[in-house]
Amino acid sequence: TLGGGEVTLLELTNAYATLAAQGTHRPARALLRVETAAGETLWEAPEPAGTPALDPRVAALITDVLADPLARAPAFGEWNALRLPFPTAAKTGTTTDWKDNWALGYTPSLTVGVWVGNADNSAMRHVSGIDGAGPIWHDFMKQALRHERHTPFALPEGLLSVEICTASGLLPDALCPARRVERFIEGHAPTATDHSFQVVRVDSETGLLAGQGCEHRAVERLFRTPPPEAMIWARQNGWAFPPTRQCDGNLATTEPGDGSARLLLVSPASGSHYQVDPSLPAASQRLPIAIAATAALPLRAGTLLLNGEPLATFDALPFEYLWPLTPGTHTLQATVTSDGSTLESNVVEIVVE
């Protein structure tokens, strides 16, 4: 991040100039040429040899990120000090003690760095880079390049433009609702397809699965099911999951017969190895065991099993238990009783040394 280490404005601006030159570094020069009042050139500095410092493809990807106004909008708003009427890549920074503001940015032809702070090194009054240095950078760039013919950033060979599903960064399937085109280095573009979205017919009145008795109120809704390792996080953050119960004509519920809800022992991952540290208190060496379900379950009782023996009970999902590490090879599994039937989770095997 900008402002995170001891660096001069000249050093930082020169580094951004390297990005503007697609990864080729050239040392900064204070004088380019000396002219007479009539414009006659008396001396001109030789063009310094460039040193490859960064793969041109990597530099182009960094520029692509820094030039994306939509990426800045959530933090700074759509119309902010870094937005100009021509292509620019820019970044702001603020030190945690409010003593330094930075704004760095470039076009294909010009790199500009701005520092704002107090000369006596005292803290400013909550002035951030976008508010302090940003407007100065914006006005200078706009004035300096007002007569220049603006061109987009050049792209080196070896980059691909690939449409991805915005939610995951994977290739979109037909149900992906939001997509965008991103650039990748050849050989590093996603190859897997996002199949996490599904269309479910639900009753518009109850939100339950549309059964035969309420088919006339059925509407199609799009749901996204997260991977098992993100199940607890998704529930804690308010994700909507597909219903598992069906409605009838009287807005009552009937049991689904497809067993669509699955019980998951989300973590730890099977095959994991852990080591007890003898220098630490045993009480502080506990392993989080997380249990979740792929859909809402009318839970009556749940049991966490360690090596086939009950370890803990629970009456709500998701559930997390902190288990004191014990040396040996262990198996973990969860079971729940739901509406008269028993569901079993996947079995997880771990080794503690």
Protein backbone atom coordinates (compact mmCIF):
# COMPACT_ATOMS: atom_id res chain seq x y z
CA THR A 1 0.00 0.00 0.00
CA LEU A 2 1.05 3.59 -0.51
CA GLY A 3 2.44 5.23 2.60
CA GLY A 4 3.32 1.91 4.19
CA GLY A 5 7.11 2.33 4.18
CA GLU A 6 9.86 4.92 4.12
CA VAL A 7 10.13 6.08 0.53
CA THR A 8 10.60 9.44 -1.13
CA LEU A 9 8.13 11.01 -3.52
CA LEU A 10 10.68 10.77 -6.33
CA GLU A 11 11.32 7.08 -5.70
CA LEU A 12 7.65 6.26 -5.62
CA THR A 13 6.85 8.28 -8.74
CA ASN A 14 9.74 6.62 -10.58
CA ALA A 15 8.34 3.23 -9.62
CA TYR A 16 4.96 4.12 -11.08
CA ALA A 17 6.70 5.36 -14.21
CA THR A 18 8.06 1.82 -14.54
CA LEU A 19 4.50 0.51 -14.64
CA ALA A 20 3.62 3.14 -17.26
CA ALA A 21 6.57 1.89 -19.36
CA GLN A 22 5.25 -1.69 -19.21
CA GLY A 23 7.79 -2.84 -16.66
CA THR A 24 10.90 -1.11 -18.01
CA HIS A 25 12.71 0.97 -15.39
CA ARG A 26 14.59 4.13 -16.28
CA PRO A 27 16.28 6.32 -13.67
CA ALA A 28 14.72 9.70 -13.02
CA ARG A 29 16.43 12.73 -14.55
CA ALA A 30 16.24 16.28 -13.24
CA LEU A 31 17.18 17.90 -16.59
CA LEU A 32 16.05 16.81 -20.02
CA ARG A 33 17.56 19.63 -22.10
CA VAL A 34 18.81 23.20 -22.03
CA GLU A 35 17.42 25.71 -24.53
CA THR A 36 18.07 29.34 -25.37
CA ALA A 37 15.35 31.94 -25.15
CA ALA A 38 14.88 31.44 -28.89
CA GLY A 39 14.31 27.72 -28.44
CA GLU A 40 17.69 26.56 -29.67
CA THR A 41 18.80 23.34 -27.96
CA LEU A 42 22.16 23.77 -26.27
CA TRP A 43 22.23 20.42 -24.49
CA GLU A 44 20.00 17.39 -24.33
CA ALA A 45 20.27 14.51 -21.92
CA PRO A 46 20.84 11.15 -23.56
CA GLU A 47 17.98 8.69 -23.30
CA PRO A 48 18.89 6.29 -20.47
CA ALA A 49 18.94 2.62 -21.20
CA GLY A 50 15.94 0.86 -19.76
CA THR A 51 16.22 -2.10 -17.41
CA PRO A 52 13.49 -4.78 -17.47
CA ALA A 53 12.12 -4.79 -13.94
CA LEU A 54 8.74 -6.46 -14.40
CA ASP A 55 7.09 -8.77 -16.89
CA PRO A 56 5.25 -6.46 -19.35
CA ARG A 57 2.16 -8.64 -18.99
CA VAL A 58 2.17 -8.25 -15.19
CA ALA A 59 2.68 -4.49 -15.53
CA ALA A 60 -0.27 -4.34 -17.94
CA LEU A 61 -2.51 -6.23 -15.50
CA ILE A 62 -1.58 -3.84 -12.67
CA THR A 63 -2.35 -0.91 -14.95
CA ASP A 64 -5.68 -2.51 -15.85
CA VAL A 65 -6.61 -2.67 -12.14
CA LEU A 66 -5.45 0.87 -11.35
CA ALA A 67 -7.29 2.26 -14.39
CA ASP A 68 -10.66 0.69 -13.53
CA PRO A 69 -13.05 3.41 -12.29
CA LEU A 70 -15.61 0.83 -11.22
CA ALA A 71 -13.09 -0.75 -8.83
CA ARG A 72 -12.63 2.62 -7.11
CA ALA A 73 -16.30 3.53 -6.97
CA PRO A 74 -17.28 1.52 -3.84
CA ALA A 75 -14.67 3.36 -1.76
CA PHE A 76 -14.58 6.80 -3.36
CA GLY A 77 -17.84 7.12 -5.29
CA GLU A 78 -18.19 7.15 -9.06
CA TRP A 79 -17.04 10.76 -9.47
CA ASN A 80 -13.83 11.16 -7.50
CA ALA A 81 -10.50 12.97 -7.75
CA LEU A 82 -8.90 10.11 -9.69
CA ARG A 83 -11.40 10.23 -12.51
CA LEU A 84 -10.31 12.16 -15.62
CA PRO A 85 -11.76 12.46 -19.13
CA PHE A 86 -8.96 10.26 -20.53
CA PRO A 87 -7.39 6.91 -19.60
CA THR A 88 -5.35 7.06 -16.39
CA ALA A 89 -4.12 4.57 -13.81
CA ALA A 90 -3.96 5.93 -10.27
CA LYS A 91 -3.67 5.06 -6.59
CA THR A 92 -3.97 7.06 -3.38
CA GLY A 93 -2.55 6.33 0.05
CA THR A 94 -2.71 7.61 3.62
CA THR A 95 -0.37 6.74 6.48
CA THR A 96 -2.10 5.48 9.59
CA ASP A 97 -0.96 8.45 11.65
CA TRP A 98 -2.42 10.96 9.14
CA LYS A 99 1.00 12.51 8.49
CA ASP A 100 1.23 11.64 4.78
CA ASN A 101 -1.09 11.78 1.79
CA TRP A 102 -0.10 10.25 -1.52
CA ALA A 103 -1.61 10.30 -5.00
CA LEU A 104 0.27 8.53 -7.80
CA GLY A 105 -0.88 7.99 -11.33
CA TYR A 106 0.03 7.88 -14.97
CA THR A 107 -1.00 7.90 -18.60
CA PRO A 108 1.07 6.28 -21.38
CA SER A 109 3.06 9.54 -21.62
CA LEU A 110 3.10 11.14 -18.15
CA THR A 111 3.58 9.94 -14.56
CA VAL A 112 2.78 12.29 -11.68
CA GLY A 113 3.19 11.87 -7.93
CA VAL A 114 1.79 14.16 -5.23
CA TRP A 115 2.59 14.23 -1.52
CA VAL A 116 0.59 16.28 0.99
CA GLY A 117 1.54 16.76 4.63
CA ASN A 118 2.74 19.25 7.22
CA ALA A 119 6.32 20.49 6.96
CA ASP A 120 6.87 19.87 10.69
CA ASN A 121 5.75 16.22 10.32
CA SER A 122 2.70 16.77 12.52
CA ALA A 123 -0.50 14.84 11.87
CA MET A 124 -3.20 16.31 9.67
CA ARG A 125 -6.82 16.39 10.74
CA HIS A 126 -8.09 13.17 9.18
CA VAL A 127 -7.16 14.15 5.62
CA SER A 128 -6.94 11.09 3.38
CA GLY A 129 -5.14 10.69 0.07
CA ILE A 130 -8.31 10.99 -1.97
CA ASP A 131 -9.20 14.30 -0.25
CA GLY A 132 -5.75 15.86 0.16
CA ALA A 133 -3.32 14.77 -2.56
CA GLY A 134 -5.99 13.48 -4.96
CA PRO A 135 -7.46 16.83 -6.08
CA ILE A 136 -3.97 18.28 -6.68
CA TRP A 137 -3.04 15.27 -8.81
CA HIS A 138 -6.32 15.54 -10.71
CA ASP A 139 -5.95 19.23 -11.54
CA PHE A 140 -2.30 18.94 -12.55
CA MET A 141 -2.95 15.97 -14.86
CA LYS A 142 -5.90 17.71 -16.47
CA GLN A 143 -3.93 20.92 -17.09
CA ALA A 144 -0.69 19.27 -18.21
CA LEU A 145 -2.40 17.01 -20.73
CA ARG A 146 -5.09 19.41 -21.95
CA HIS A 147 -3.60 19.63 -25.48
CA GLU A 148 -2.41 16.04 -25.76
CA ARG A 149 -4.04 13.48 -27.98
CA HIS A 150 -5.06 10.76 -25.57
CA THR A 151 -4.44 7.11 -26.34
CA PRO A 152 -5.37 3.98 -24.40
CA PHE A 153 -2.77 1.91 -22.61
CA ALA A 154 -1.02 -0.49 -24.98
CA LEU A 155 -1.36 -4.21 -24.30
CA PRO A 156 1.65 -6.51 -24.72
CA GLU A 157 1.38 -9.90 -26.34
CA GLY A 158 0.48 -12.81 -24.13
CA LEU A 159 -2.72 -11.45 -22.59
CA LEU A 160 -6.21 -12.84 -22.99
CA SER A 161 -9.60 -11.17 -22.49
CA VAL A 162 -11.97 -13.68 -20.89
CA GLU A 163 -15.58 -13.32 -19.82
CA ILE A 164 -16.00 -14.45 -16.21
CA CYS A 165 -18.85 -14.80 -13.73
CA THR A 166 -18.49 -11.75 -11.49
CA ALA A 167 -19.49 -13.59 -8.31
CA SER A 168 -16.71 -16.18 -8.48
CA GLY A 169 -14.17 -15.28 -11.15
CA LEU A 170 -14.86 -18.61 -12.87
CA LEU A 171 -16.23 -19.14 -16.37
CA PRO A 172 -19.98 -18.40 -16.45
CA ASP A 173 -22.63 -20.97 -17.15
CA ALA A 174 -26.02 -20.05 -18.60
CA LEU A 175 -27.42 -19.07 -15.18
CA CYS A 176 -24.68 -16.66 -14.10
CA PRO A 177 -26.54 -13.35 -13.65
CA ALA A 178 -23.60 -10.90 -13.77
CA ARG A 179 -20.55 -11.14 -16.00
CA ARG A 180 -17.58 -9.05 -16.92
CA VAL A 181 -14.50 -9.31 -19.09
CA GLU A 182 -11.14 -9.55 -17.34
CA ARG A 183 -7.61 -9.85 -18.68
CA PHE A 184 -5.35 -12.79 -17.87
CA ILE A 185 -1.86 -13.90 -18.74
CA GLU A 186 -1.99 -16.80 -21.18
CA GLY A 187 -2.06 -20.06 -19.27
CA HIS A 188 -3.55 -18.44 -16.15
CA ALA A 189 -7.14 -17.82 -17.24
CA PRO A 190 -9.85 -19.74 -15.36
CA THR A 191 -10.80 -23.11 -16.83
CA ALA A 192 -13.50 -24.23 -14.37
CA THR A 193 -17.13 -23.19 -14.85
CA ASP A 194 -19.28 -21.72 -12.09
CA HIS A 195 -22.30 -24.01 -11.56
CA SER A 196 -23.32 -22.56 -8.20
CA PHE A 197 -26.48 -20.86 -9.50
CA GLN A 198 -29.79 -22.68 -9.85
CA VAL A 199 -33.33 -21.71 -10.78
CA VAL A 200 -36.00 -22.97 -8.38
CA ARG A 201 -39.78 -22.74 -8.77
CA VAL A 202 -41.18 -21.36 -5.52
CA ASP A 203 -44.58 -20.30 -4.24
CA SER A 204 -44.78 -16.49 -4.42
CA GLU A 205 -46.86 -16.36 -1.22
CA THR A 206 -44.86 -18.60 1.12
CA GLY A 207 -41.43 -18.81 -0.48
CA LEU A 208 -41.66 -22.61 -0.29
CA LEU A 209 -41.19 -25.04 -3.16
CA ALA A 210 -44.12 -24.81 -5.52
CA GLY A 211 -46.10 -28.03 -5.09
CA GLN A 212 -49.12 -29.20 -7.06
CA GLY A 213 -51.53 -27.36 -4.80
CA CYS A 214 -49.92 -23.95 -5.41
CA GLU A 215 -48.57 -24.25 -8.93
CA HIS A 216 -50.70 -21.27 -9.94
CA ARG A 217 -48.59 -19.04 -7.68
CA ALA A 218 -45.26 -20.45 -8.83
CA VAL A 219 -42.44 -18.09 -9.82
CA GLU A 220 -38.86 -18.83 -10.77
CA ARG A 221 -36.14 -17.53 -8.47
CA LEU A 222 -32.39 -17.69 -8.79
CA PHE A 223 -30.35 -19.03 -5.87
CA ARG A 224 -26.64 -19.48 -5.38
CA THR A 225 -25.23 -22.33 -3.32
CA PRO A 226 -21.74 -21.69 -1.92
CA PRO A 227 -19.06 -24.38 -1.72
CA PRO A 228 -19.11 -26.43 1.50
CA GLU A 229 -16.18 -24.57 3.04
CA ALA A 230 -18.10 -21.27 2.72
CA MET A 231 -21.45 -22.56 3.95
CA ILE A 232 -21.23 -21.17 7.50
CA TRP A 233 -19.95 -17.81 6.27
CA ALA A 234 -22.79 -17.60 3.73
CA ARG A 235 -25.47 -18.28 6.34
CA GLN A 236 -23.95 -15.78 8.75
CA ASN A 237 -24.00 -13.15 5.99
CA GLY A 238 -27.63 -13.57 5.04
CA TRP A 239 -27.47 -15.63 1.86
CA ALA A 240 -30.82 -16.90 0.65
CA PHE A 241 -30.89 -20.67 0.20
CA PRO A 242 -33.38 -22.71 -1.83
CA PRO A 243 -36.34 -23.94 0.23
CA THR A 244 -36.58 -27.66 1.03
CA ARG A 245 -40.29 -27.82 1.91
CA GLN A 246 -43.22 -27.74 -0.45
CA CYS A 247 -46.40 -25.76 -0.12
CA ASP A 248 -49.95 -26.93 -0.68
CA GLY A 249 -52.98 -24.94 -1.75
CA ASN A 250 -53.65 -23.74 1.80
CA LEU A 251 -50.19 -22.23 2.28
CA ALA A 252 -49.26 -25.13 4.59
CA THR A 253 -46.09 -27.16 4.33
CA THR A 254 -45.50 -30.76 3.32
CA GLU A 255 -42.30 -32.70 3.53
CA PRO A 256 -40.06 -32.84 0.48
CA GLY A 257 -39.32 -36.33 -0.70
CA ASP A 258 -36.03 -35.64 -2.50
CA GLY A 259 -33.73 -35.40 0.52
CA SER A 260 -32.23 -32.25 -0.93
CA ALA A 261 -30.76 -31.02 2.36
CA ARG A 262 -27.28 -32.36 3.10
CA LEU A 263 -25.36 -32.28 6.36
CA LEU A 264 -21.75 -31.16 5.98
CA LEU A 265 -18.78 -31.31 8.28
CA VAL A 266 -17.24 -28.20 6.77
CA SER A 267 -13.96 -28.04 8.63
CA PRO A 268 -11.39 -29.32 9.25
CA ALA A 269 -10.59 -30.74 5.83
CA SER A 270 -10.15 -34.47 5.63
CA GLY A 271 -6.48 -35.45 5.53
CA SER A 272 -5.32 -32.46 7.59
CA HIS A 273 -2.33 -32.85 9.90
CA TYR A 274 -1.89 -30.92 13.13
CA GLN A 275 0.91 -30.78 15.67
CA VAL A 276 0.65 -30.13 19.40
CA ASP A 277 3.13 -27.51 20.60
CA PRO A 278 4.47 -28.60 24.02
CA SER A 279 5.55 -25.03 24.80
CA LEU A 280 1.96 -23.73 24.70
CA PRO A 281 -0.88 -24.35 27.17
CA ALA A 282 -3.07 -27.26 26.11
CA ALA A 283 -6.18 -25.15 26.65
CA SER A 284 -5.10 -22.74 23.92
CA GLN A 285 -4.59 -25.46 21.31
CA ARG A 286 -8.11 -26.16 20.14
CA LEU A 287 -9.32 -27.13 16.68
CA PRO A 288 -12.52 -25.48 15.36
CA ILE A 289 -14.92 -28.11 14.03
CA ALA A 290 -17.68 -26.59 11.88
CA ILE A 291 -20.94 -28.22 10.84
CA ALA A 292 -23.51 -26.80 8.42
CA ALA A 293 -26.31 -27.85 6.08
CA THR A 294 -26.87 -27.08 2.42
CA ALA A 295 -30.45 -26.03 3.14
CA ALA A 296 -32.69 -25.29 6.11
CA LEU A 297 -33.29 -28.34 8.30
CA PRO A 298 -36.09 -28.75 10.88
CA LEU A 299 -33.46 -29.87 13.37
CA ARG A 300 -34.43 -31.79 16.47
CA ALA A 301 -31.10 -33.07 17.73
CA GLY A 302 -27.56 -33.19 16.44
CA THR A 303 -24.46 -35.06 17.56
CA LEU A 304 -20.80 -34.57 16.74
CA LEU A 305 -18.94 -37.88 16.80
CA LEU A 306 -15.22 -38.36 17.48
CA ASN A 307 -13.98 -41.83 16.52
CA GLY A 308 -17.58 -43.01 16.56
CA GLU A 309 -18.29 -41.74 20.09
CA PRO A 310 -20.42 -38.67 20.98
CA LEU A 311 -18.27 -35.59 21.50
CA ALA A 312 -20.87 -32.79 21.57
CA THR A 313 -24.55 -32.20 20.93
CA PHE A 314 -26.26 -29.27 19.22
CA ASP A 315 -29.76 -28.11 18.37
CA ALA A 316 -29.11 -25.49 15.68
CA LEU A 317 -27.03 -25.08 12.55
CA PRO A 318 -24.48 -23.89 11.73
CA PHE A 319 -22.58 -25.23 14.73
CA GLU A 320 -18.94 -24.84 15.76
CA TYR A 321 -17.10 -26.75 18.45
CA LEU A 322 -13.57 -26.13 19.77
CA TRP A 323 -11.91 -29.49 20.32
CA PRO A 324 -8.67 -29.74 22.39
CA LEU A 325 -6.03 -31.31 20.16
CA THR A 326 -5.26 -34.91 21.16
CA PRO A 327 -2.45 -36.87 19.47
CA GLY A 328 -3.53 -39.72 17.24
CA THR A 329 -5.50 -40.48 14.09
CA HIS A 330 -9.11 -39.41 14.47
CA THR A 331 -12.36 -39.55 12.52
CA LEU A 332 -15.06 -36.89 12.79
CA GLN A 333 -18.68 -37.11 11.70
CA ALA A 334 -21.97 -35.42 12.52
CA THR A 335 -25.50 -36.78 12.63
CA VAL A 336 -28.82 -35.02 13.03
CA THR A 337 -32.37 -36.16 13.59
CA SER A 338 -34.72 -34.22 11.34
CA ASP A 339 -38.44 -34.97 11.20
CA GLY A 340 -38.02 -38.60 12.16
CA SER A 341 -35.10 -39.37 9.87
CA THR A 342 -31.37 -39.33 10.52
CA LEU A 343 -28.88 -37.53 8.31
CA GLU A 344 -25.16 -38.26 8.41
CA SER A 345 -22.40 -35.91 7.33
CA ASN A 346 -19.26 -36.72 5.43
CA VAL A 347 -16.52 -38.43 7.43
CA VAL A 348 -13.36 -36.42 8.08
CA GLU A 349 -10.07 -38.04 9.04
CA ILE A 350 -7.31 -36.00 10.68
CA VAL A 351 -3.94 -36.69 12.25
CA VAL A 352 -2.64 -34.94 15.36
CA GLU A 353 1.03 -35.41 16.20
